[in-house]
């Protein structure tokens, strides 16, 4: 066989071999990128500053003074601070960043507007975000038991709307999509009045714990007329005579 023909065949064989090696390398790179690519984990905020911590002032007694031998018919109205619930309101600032494990930043992006959610839970360990879903009446009833919420006027089932008319926007929790109007929900107040537009809060469940989530707004008029990015309420221990405080753990998700 002609030496040139043999040489050309050898060259073609080497090119095919090189191409095969390149294809394998490309697939290996794609595989490595795929294994390391994932949705950003939900995490705790870098810092939380308690700007204010207040409660309703105690109202003094009202005097009644009638003459002996008379009967007074009274209409009494009272607004009583509820010790079985507490609220978190505030504003969120943040940025997107590319950091290594030590926190050194390769690059970051300042955010002119922020969307996302604030989460809170009594669970002191990590939430199983991959298992998150809407809570239901069974989960809320168990939380009523856990926190001694026995009052039928303000327990979790009454506070969160479980009816078919409950409305909230769809939301992503990490990589889990929750359809609109599927979770127990409430809307905290604006300017001291009930409303059903802003400051949506939903009750979620990760197969072990209740997680409360509120959708971030942007400088929206809040309960006292101030501007806030979020408002939410969470239950406190309802046991009569309880004077302590139940810790909640806050997570932030910024889109």
C-alpha atoms as a PDB file:
ATOM      1  CA  UNK A   1       0.000   0.000   0.000  1.00  0.00           C
ATOM      2  CA  UNK A   2       1.176   3.488  -0.839  1.00  0.00           C
ATOM      3  CA  UNK A   3       2.949   5.099   2.100  1.00  0.00           C
ATOM      4  CA  UNK A   4       0.996   8.358   1.665  1.00  0.00           C
ATOM      5  CA  UNK A   5      -2.328   6.509   1.838  1.00  0.00           C
ATOM      6  CA  UNK A   6      -1.224   4.759   5.015  1.00  0.00           C
ATOM      7  CA  UNK A   7      -0.121   8.104   6.453  1.00  0.00           C
ATOM      8  CA  UNK A   8      -3.487   9.770   5.632  1.00  0.00           C
ATOM      9  CA  UNK A   9      -5.392   6.898   7.226  1.00  0.00           C
ATOM     10  CA  UNK A  10      -3.259   7.203  10.340  1.00  0.00           C
ATOM     11  CA  UNK A  11      -3.936  10.960  10.451  1.00  0.00           C
ATOM     12  CA  UNK A  12      -7.694  10.411  10.124  1.00  0.00           C
ATOM     13  CA  UNK A  13      -7.559   7.790  12.872  1.00  0.00           C
ATOM     14  CA  UNK A  14      -5.660  10.159  15.161  1.00  0.00           C
ATOM     15  CA  UNK A  15      -8.135  12.972  14.442  1.00  0.00           C
ATOM     16  CA  UNK A  16     -11.086  10.682  15.288  1.00  0.00           C
ATOM     17  CA  UNK A  17      -9.323   9.662  18.492  1.00  0.00           C
ATOM     18  CA  UNK A  18      -8.632  13.293  19.402  1.00  0.00           C
ATOM     19  CA  UNK A  19     -12.241  14.226  18.642  1.00  0.00           C
ATOM     20  CA  UNK A  20     -13.498  11.383  20.837  1.00  0.00           C
ATOM     21  CA  UNK A  21     -11.270  12.557  23.673  1.00  0.00           C
ATOM     22  CA  UNK A  22     -12.533  16.136  23.239  1.00  0.00           C
ATOM     23  CA  UNK A  23     -16.164  14.948  23.327  1.00  0.00           C
ATOM     24  CA  UNK A  24     -15.509  12.987  26.523  1.00  0.00           C
ATOM     25  CA  UNK A  25     -13.857  16.032  28.104  1.00  0.00           C
ATOM     26  CA  UNK A  26     -16.780  18.266  27.120  1.00  0.00           C
ATOM     27  CA  UNK A  27     -19.266  15.848  28.699  1.00  0.00           C
ATOM     28  CA  UNK A  28     -17.128  15.650  31.834  1.00  0.00           C
ATOM     29  CA  UNK A  29     -17.115  19.462  32.101  1.00  0.00           C
ATOM     30  CA  UNK A  30     -20.886  19.610  31.581  1.00  0.00           C
ATOM     31  CA  UNK A  31     -21.365  16.916  34.238  1.00  0.00           C
ATOM     32  CA  UNK A  32     -19.167  18.788  36.709  1.00  0.00           C
ATOM     33  CA  UNK A  33     -21.088  22.019  36.090  1.00  0.00           C
ATOM     34  CA  UNK A  34     -24.411  20.211  36.433  1.00  0.00           C
ATOM     35  CA  UNK A  35     -23.440  18.578  39.718  1.00  0.00           C
ATOM     36  CA  UNK A  36     -22.273  21.881  41.195  1.00  0.00           C
ATOM     37  CA  UNK A  37     -25.138  24.013  39.858  1.00  0.00           C
ATOM     38  CA  UNK A  38     -28.133  24.338  42.164  1.00  0.00           C
ATOM     39  CA  UNK A  39     -30.674  26.889  43.331  1.00  0.00           C
ATOM     40  CA  UNK A  40     -29.383  29.168  46.042  1.00  0.00           C
ATOM     41  CA  UNK A  41     -30.187  27.781  49.472  1.00  0.00           C
ATOM     42  CA  UNK A  42     -32.423  29.811  51.735  1.00  0.00           C
ATOM     43  CA  UNK A  43     -30.323  31.219  54.530  1.00  0.00           C
ATOM     44  CA  UNK A  44     -30.368  33.367  57.596  1.00  0.00           C
ATOM     45  CA  UNK A  45     -29.772  37.107  57.174  1.00  0.00           C
ATOM     46  CA  UNK A  46     -26.289  38.529  57.772  1.00  0.00           C
ATOM     47  CA  UNK A  47     -27.679  40.618  60.615  1.00  0.00           C
ATOM     48  CA  UNK A  48     -30.946  41.560  62.321  1.00  0.00           C
ATOM     49  CA  UNK A  49     -31.207  44.816  64.232  1.00  0.00           C
ATOM     50  CA  UNK A  50     -34.122  45.199  66.653  1.00  0.00           C
ATOM     51  CA  UNK A  51     -34.990  48.871  66.073  1.00  0.00           C
ATOM     52  CA  UNK A  52     -38.035  48.886  68.344  1.00  0.00           C
ATOM     53  CA  UNK A  53     -39.864  46.498  70.658  1.00  0.00           C
ATOM     54  CA  UNK A  54     -43.117  47.898  72.011  1.00  0.00           C
ATOM     55  CA  UNK A  55     -46.517  46.909  73.309  1.00  0.00           C
ATOM     56  CA  UNK A  56     -49.838  48.545  74.069  1.00  0.00           C
ATOM     57  CA  UNK A  57     -49.867  50.627  77.221  1.00  0.00           C
ATOM     58  CA  UNK A  58     -51.955  49.540  80.188  1.00  0.00           C
ATOM     59  CA  UNK A  59     -55.299  51.366  80.368  1.00  0.00           C
ATOM     60  CA  UNK A  60     -56.212  52.551  83.853  1.00  0.00           C
ATOM     61  CA  UNK A  61     -59.454  51.511  85.543  1.00  0.00           C
ATOM     62  CA  UNK A  62     -62.662  53.476  84.903  1.00  0.00           C
ATOM     63  CA  UNK A  63     -64.500  54.806  87.916  1.00  0.00           C
ATOM     64  CA  UNK A  64     -68.185  54.050  88.518  1.00  0.00           C
ATOM     65  CA  UNK A  65     -69.891  55.917  91.347  1.00  0.00           C
ATOM     66  CA  UNK A  66     -73.619  55.425  91.878  1.00  0.00           C
ATOM     67  CA  UNK A  67     -75.784  55.852  94.908  1.00  0.00           C
ATOM     68  CA  UNK A  68     -76.652  52.960  97.194  1.00  0.00           C
ATOM     69  CA  UNK A  69     -79.847  51.163  96.379  1.00  0.00           C
ATOM     70  CA  UNK A  70     -79.433  51.702  92.619  1.00  0.00           C
ATOM     71  CA  UNK A  71     -78.538  49.288  89.819  1.00  0.00           C
ATOM     72  CA  UNK A  72     -76.275  50.477  86.970  1.00  0.00           C
ATOM     73  CA  UNK A  73     -76.502  48.860  83.538  1.00  0.00           C
ATOM     74  CA  UNK A  74     -73.096  49.118  81.844  1.00  0.00           C
ATOM     75  CA  UNK A  75     -71.904  48.719  78.275  1.00  0.00           C
ATOM     76  CA  UNK A  76     -68.183  47.936  78.560  1.00  0.00           C
ATOM     77  CA  UNK A  77     -65.807  47.920  75.607  1.00  0.00           C
ATOM     78  CA  UNK A  78     -62.194  46.825  75.933  1.00  0.00           C
ATOM     79  CA  UNK A  79     -59.237  46.360  73.581  1.00  0.00           C
ATOM     80  CA  UNK A  80     -56.934  43.801  75.197  1.00  0.00           C
ATOM     81  CA  UNK A  81     -53.365  43.158  74.031  1.00  0.00           C
ATOM     82  CA  UNK A  82     -53.135  39.520  72.907  1.00  0.00           C
ATOM     83  CA  UNK A  83     -50.199  37.755  74.648  1.00  0.00           C
ATOM     84  CA  UNK A  84     -50.685  34.633  72.501  1.00  0.00           C
ATOM     85  CA  UNK A  85     -49.401  36.325  69.327  1.00  0.00           C
ATOM     86  CA  UNK A  86     -46.502  38.636  68.437  1.00  0.00           C
ATOM     87  CA  UNK A  87     -45.473  40.555  65.342  1.00  0.00           C
ATOM     88  CA  UNK A  88     -42.382  41.220  63.253  1.00  0.00           C
ATOM     89  CA  UNK A  89     -42.309  44.235  60.908  1.00  0.00           C
ATOM     90  CA  UNK A  90     -39.420  45.940  59.168  1.00  0.00           C
ATOM     91  CA  UNK A  91     -37.375  46.614  56.079  1.00  0.00           C
ATOM     92  CA  UNK A  92     -34.888  44.553  54.081  1.00  0.00           C
ATOM     93  CA  UNK A  93     -31.670  45.590  52.358  1.00  0.00           C
ATOM     94  CA  UNK A  94     -29.288  43.250  50.584  1.00  0.00           C
ATOM     95  CA  UNK A  95     -27.261  42.354  47.539  1.00  0.00           C
ATOM     96  CA  UNK A  96     -26.369  39.444  45.292  1.00  0.00           C
ATOM     97  CA  UNK A  97     -22.821  38.224  45.698  1.00  0.00           C
ATOM     98  CA  UNK A  98     -20.299  35.626  44.584  1.00  0.00           C
ATOM     99  CA  UNK A  99     -18.440  34.536  47.725  1.00  0.00           C
ATOM    100  CA  UNK A 100     -16.186  31.644  48.608  1.00  0.00           C
ATOM    101  CA  UNK A 101     -16.539  29.527  51.765  1.00  0.00           C
ATOM    102  CA  UNK A 102     -14.593  32.082  53.817  1.00  0.00           C
ATOM    103  CA  UNK A 103     -16.869  34.950  52.769  1.00  0.00           C
ATOM    104  CA  UNK A 104     -14.390  36.614  50.399  1.00  0.00           C
ATOM    105  CA  UNK A 105     -16.283  38.343  47.585  1.00  0.00           C
ATOM    106  CA  UNK A 106     -15.379  37.914  43.927  1.00  0.00           C
ATOM    107  CA  UNK A 107     -18.160  40.274  42.781  1.00  0.00           C
ATOM    108  CA  UNK A 108     -21.464  41.642  44.035  1.00  0.00           C
ATOM    109  CA  UNK A 109     -24.552  43.402  42.708  1.00  0.00           C
ATOM    110  CA  UNK A 110     -26.358  46.083  44.700  1.00  0.00           C
ATOM    111  CA  UNK A 111     -30.161  45.783  44.549  1.00  0.00           C
ATOM    112  CA  UNK A 112     -32.243  48.838  43.701  1.00  0.00           C
ATOM    113  CA  UNK A 113     -35.422  46.914  44.506  1.00  0.00           C
ATOM    114  CA  UNK A 114     -35.871  43.737  46.491  1.00  0.00           C
ATOM    115  CA  UNK A 115     -38.389  40.946  46.014  1.00  0.00           C
ATOM    116  CA  UNK A 116     -38.593  37.691  47.895  1.00  0.00           C
ATOM    117  CA  UNK A 117     -39.813  36.404  51.226  1.00  0.00           C
ATOM    118  CA  UNK A 118     -39.089  36.460  54.938  1.00  0.00           C
ATOM    119  CA  UNK A 119     -39.555  33.184  56.817  1.00  0.00           C
ATOM    120  CA  UNK A 120     -39.749  32.426  60.526  1.00  0.00           C
ATOM    121  CA  UNK A 121     -40.021  29.156  62.419  1.00  0.00           C
ATOM    122  CA  UNK A 122     -39.664  27.818  65.940  1.00  0.00           C
ATOM    123  CA  UNK A 123     -37.401  25.087  64.597  1.00  0.00           C
ATOM    124  CA  UNK A 124     -33.845  25.770  65.790  1.00  0.00           C
ATOM    125  CA  UNK A 125     -32.328  23.329  63.287  1.00  0.00           C
ATOM    126  CA  UNK A 126     -32.343  23.627  59.513  1.00  0.00           C
ATOM    127  CA  UNK A 127     -35.647  23.644  57.675  1.00  0.00           C
ATOM    128  CA  UNK A 128     -36.057  20.874  55.085  1.00  0.00           C
ATOM    129  CA  UNK A 129     -36.719  23.288  52.233  1.00  0.00           C
ATOM    130  CA  UNK A 130     -36.946  20.556  49.597  1.00  0.00           C
ATOM    131  CA  UNK A 131     -39.989  19.153  51.450  1.00  0.00           C
ATOM    132  CA  UNK A 132     -41.763  22.475  52.006  1.00  0.00           C
ATOM    133  CA  UNK A 133     -45.442  22.681  51.173  1.00  0.00           C
ATOM    134  CA  UNK A 134     -48.607  24.397  52.348  1.00  0.00           C
ATOM    135  CA  UNK A 135     -49.669  23.504  55.857  1.00  0.00           C
ATOM    136  CA  UNK A 136     -53.176  22.203  56.462  1.00  0.00           C
ATOM    137  CA  UNK A 137     -55.691  22.015  59.306  1.00  0.00           C
ATOM    138  CA  UNK A 138     -53.942  18.964  60.808  1.00  0.00           C
ATOM    139  CA  UNK A 139     -50.614  20.799  61.011  1.00  0.00           C
ATOM    140  CA  UNK A 140     -52.238  23.926  62.461  1.00  0.00           C
ATOM    141  CA  UNK A 141     -54.129  21.871  65.035  1.00  0.00           C
ATOM    142  CA  UNK A 142     -50.873  20.248  66.133  1.00  0.00           C
ATOM    143  CA  UNK A 143     -49.280  23.678  66.498  1.00  0.00           C
ATOM    144  CA  UNK A 144     -52.280  24.739  68.585  1.00  0.00           C
ATOM    145  CA  UNK A 145     -51.506  21.807  70.883  1.00  0.00           C
ATOM    146  CA  UNK A 146     -47.764  22.497  70.924  1.00  0.00           C
ATOM    147  CA  UNK A 147     -48.288  26.137  71.920  1.00  0.00           C
ATOM    148  CA  UNK A 148     -51.366  25.688  74.130  1.00  0.00           C
ATOM    149  CA  UNK A 149     -53.579  27.727  71.810  1.00  0.00           C
ATOM    150  CA  UNK A 150     -56.863  26.496  73.209  1.00  0.00           C
ATOM    151  CA  UNK A 151     -58.845  29.718  72.817  1.00  0.00           C
ATOM    152  CA  UNK A 152     -61.335  29.279  69.980  1.00  0.00           C
ATOM    153  CA  UNK A 153     -61.285  33.025  69.246  1.00  0.00           C
ATOM    154  CA  UNK A 154     -57.631  33.354  68.250  1.00  0.00           C
ATOM    155  CA  UNK A 155     -56.080  29.935  67.638  1.00  0.00           C
ATOM    156  CA  UNK A 156     -54.173  29.211  64.420  1.00  0.00           C
ATOM    157  CA  UNK A 157     -57.190  27.771  62.612  1.00  0.00           C
ATOM    158  CA  UNK A 158     -59.142  30.989  63.190  1.00  0.00           C
ATOM    159  CA  UNK A 159     -56.234  33.347  62.497  1.00  0.00           C
ATOM    160  CA  UNK A 160     -55.179  31.759  59.191  1.00  0.00           C
ATOM    161  CA  UNK A 161     -57.906  31.547  56.571  1.00  0.00           C
ATOM    162  CA  UNK A 162     -58.400  27.916  55.547  1.00  0.00           C
ATOM    163  CA  UNK A 163     -61.501  28.421  53.408  1.00  0.00           C
ATOM    164  CA  UNK A 164     -61.746  28.185  49.647  1.00  0.00           C
ATOM    165  CA  UNK A 165     -61.970  31.989  49.552  1.00  0.00           C
ATOM    166  CA  UNK A 166     -58.485  32.472  51.002  1.00  0.00           C
ATOM    167  CA  UNK A 167     -56.312  34.275  48.467  1.00  0.00           C
ATOM    168  CA  UNK A 168     -52.558  34.693  48.108  1.00  0.00           C
ATOM    169  CA  UNK A 169     -50.141  35.048  45.212  1.00  0.00           C
ATOM    170  CA  UNK A 170     -48.172  32.057  43.912  1.00  0.00           C
ATOM    171  CA  UNK A 171     -44.685  31.796  45.352  1.00  0.00           C
ATOM    172  CA  UNK A 172     -41.416  29.941  45.002  1.00  0.00           C
ATOM    173  CA  UNK A 173     -39.806  28.653  48.180  1.00  0.00           C
ATOM    174  CA  UNK A 174     -36.287  27.827  47.045  1.00  0.00           C
ATOM    175  CA  UNK A 175     -36.920  25.359  44.232  1.00  0.00           C
ATOM    176  CA  UNK A 176     -40.485  24.479  45.294  1.00  0.00           C
ATOM    177  CA  UNK A 177     -43.406  26.190  43.553  1.00  0.00           C
ATOM    178  CA  UNK A 178     -46.622  26.770  45.507  1.00  0.00           C
ATOM    179  CA  UNK A 179     -49.718  27.675  43.517  1.00  0.00           C
ATOM    180  CA  UNK A 180     -51.902  30.663  44.334  1.00  0.00           C
ATOM    181  CA  UNK A 181     -54.652  30.309  46.936  1.00  0.00           C
ATOM    182  CA  UNK A 182     -53.508  26.916  48.242  1.00  0.00           C
ATOM    183  CA  UNK A 183     -52.040  27.746  51.683  1.00  0.00           C
ATOM    184  CA  UNK A 184     -53.592  28.964  54.940  1.00  0.00           C
ATOM    185  CA  UNK A 185     -53.199  32.710  54.694  1.00  0.00           C
ATOM    186  CA  UNK A 186     -53.776  36.094  56.315  1.00  0.00           C
ATOM    187  CA  UNK A 187     -53.056  39.746  55.563  1.00  0.00           C
ATOM    188  CA  UNK A 188     -51.771  41.970  58.345  1.00  0.00           C
ATOM    189  CA  UNK A 189     -53.251  45.458  58.610  1.00  0.00           C
ATOM    190  CA  UNK A 190     -52.465  48.743  56.847  1.00  0.00           C
ATOM    191  CA  UNK A 191     -53.052  52.074  58.578  1.00  0.00           C
ATOM    192  CA  UNK A 192     -54.810  50.364  61.479  1.00  0.00           C
ATOM    193  CA  UNK A 193     -57.368  48.676  59.212  1.00  0.00           C
ATOM    194  CA  UNK A 194     -57.963  45.237  57.725  1.00  0.00           C
ATOM    195  CA  UNK A 195     -57.096  44.730  54.050  1.00  0.00           C
ATOM    196  CA  UNK A 196     -56.615  41.890  51.563  1.00  0.00           C
ATOM    197  CA  UNK A 197     -54.022  43.226  49.114  1.00  0.00           C
ATOM    198  CA  UNK A 198     -50.581  43.606  50.687  1.00  0.00           C
ATOM    199  CA  UNK A 199     -48.472  41.905  53.371  1.00  0.00           C
ATOM    200  CA  UNK A 200     -49.625  38.369  52.603  1.00  0.00           C
ATOM    201  CA  UNK A 201     -48.542  35.722  55.081  1.00  0.00           C
ATOM    202  CA  UNK A 202     -48.889  31.963  54.579  1.00  0.00           C
ATOM    203  CA  UNK A 203     -48.362  28.985  56.873  1.00  0.00           C
ATOM    204  CA  UNK A 204     -46.071  26.299  55.418  1.00  0.00           C
ATOM    205  CA  UNK A 205     -44.897  22.873  56.614  1.00  0.00           C
ATOM    206  CA  UNK A 206     -41.673  20.940  55.994  1.00  0.00           C
ATOM    207  CA  UNK A 207     -43.055  17.572  57.199  1.00  0.00           C
ATOM    208  CA  UNK A 208     -41.869  18.380  60.720  1.00  0.00           C
ATOM    209  CA  UNK A 209     -42.364  22.067  61.525  1.00  0.00           C
ATOM    210  CA  UNK A 210     -44.589  25.022  60.713  1.00  0.00           C
ATOM    211  CA  UNK A 211     -42.808  27.768  58.771  1.00  0.00           C
ATOM    212  CA  UNK A 212     -44.416  31.204  58.390  1.00  0.00           C
ATOM    213  CA  UNK A 213     -43.678  33.140  55.198  1.00  0.00           C
ATOM    214  CA  UNK A 214     -44.511  36.690  54.211  1.00  0.00           C
ATOM    215  CA  UNK A 215     -44.015  38.069  50.730  1.00  0.00           C
ATOM    216  CA  UNK A 216     -41.721  41.103  50.582  1.00  0.00           C
ATOM    217  CA  UNK A 217     -43.224  44.435  49.570  1.00  0.00           C
ATOM    218  CA  UNK A 218     -41.288  47.636  48.842  1.00  0.00           C
ATOM    219  CA  UNK A 219     -41.923  50.605  51.137  1.00  0.00           C
ATOM    220  CA  UNK A 220     -45.642  49.886  51.484  1.00  0.00           C
ATOM    221  CA  UNK A 221     -47.743  51.666  54.100  1.00  0.00           C
ATOM    222  CA  UNK A 222     -47.951  49.357  57.113  1.00  0.00           C
ATOM    223  CA  UNK A 223     -50.067  48.845  60.197  1.00  0.00           C
ATOM    224  CA  UNK A 224     -49.134  52.190  61.828  1.00  0.00           C
ATOM    225  CA  UNK A 225     -48.852  54.320  58.695  1.00  0.00           C
ATOM    226  CA  UNK A 226     -45.078  53.792  58.416  1.00  0.00           C
ATOM    227  CA  UNK A 227     -43.389  52.312  55.347  1.00  0.00           C
ATOM    228  CA  UNK A 228     -42.343  48.661  55.592  1.00  0.00           C
ATOM    229  CA  UNK A 229     -41.108  45.830  53.375  1.00  0.00           C
ATOM    230  CA  UNK A 230     -42.679  43.096  55.484  1.00  0.00           C
ATOM    231  CA  UNK A 231     -45.126  42.437  58.298  1.00  0.00           C
ATOM    232  CA  UNK A 232     -45.938  39.110  59.908  1.00  0.00           C
ATOM    233  CA  UNK A 233     -47.425  37.649  63.053  1.00  0.00           C
ATOM    234  CA  UNK A 234     -46.414  34.405  64.766  1.00  0.00           C
ATOM    235  CA  UNK A 235     -47.949  32.537  67.703  1.00  0.00           C
ATOM    236  CA  UNK A 236     -46.568  32.694  71.234  1.00  0.00           C
ATOM    237  CA  UNK A 237     -47.074  30.129  73.985  1.00  0.00           C
ATOM    238  CA  UNK A 238     -50.732  30.473  74.987  1.00  0.00           C
ATOM    239  CA  UNK A 239     -50.462  28.741  78.349  1.00  0.00           C
ATOM    240  CA  UNK A 240     -52.117  30.925  81.037  1.00  0.00           C
ATOM    241  CA  UNK A 241     -49.466  32.443  83.269  1.00  0.00           C
ATOM    242  CA  UNK A 242     -46.663  31.957  80.717  1.00  0.00           C
ATOM    243  CA  UNK A 243     -44.238  34.863  81.125  1.00  0.00           C
ATOM    244  CA  UNK A 244     -41.367  33.734  78.908  1.00  0.00           C
ATOM    245  CA  UNK A 245     -40.716  34.206  75.193  1.00  0.00           C
ATOM    246  CA  UNK A 246     -40.607  31.657  72.370  1.00  0.00           C
ATOM    247  CA  UNK A 247     -37.600  32.100  70.057  1.00  0.00           C
ATOM    248  CA  UNK A 248     -38.142  32.236  66.318  1.00  0.00           C
ATOM    249  CA  UNK A 249     -35.476  31.786  63.650  1.00  0.00           C
ATOM    250  CA  UNK A 250     -35.567  34.069  60.608  1.00  0.00           C
ATOM    251  CA  UNK A 251     -34.624  33.170  57.040  1.00  0.00           C
ATOM    252  CA  UNK A 252     -34.481  35.475  54.063  1.00  0.00           C
ATOM    253  CA  UNK A 253     -34.929  34.769  50.356  1.00  0.00           C
ATOM    254  CA  UNK A 254     -34.137  37.533  47.859  1.00  0.00           C
ATOM    255  CA  UNK A 255     -34.925  37.128  44.156  1.00  0.00           C
END
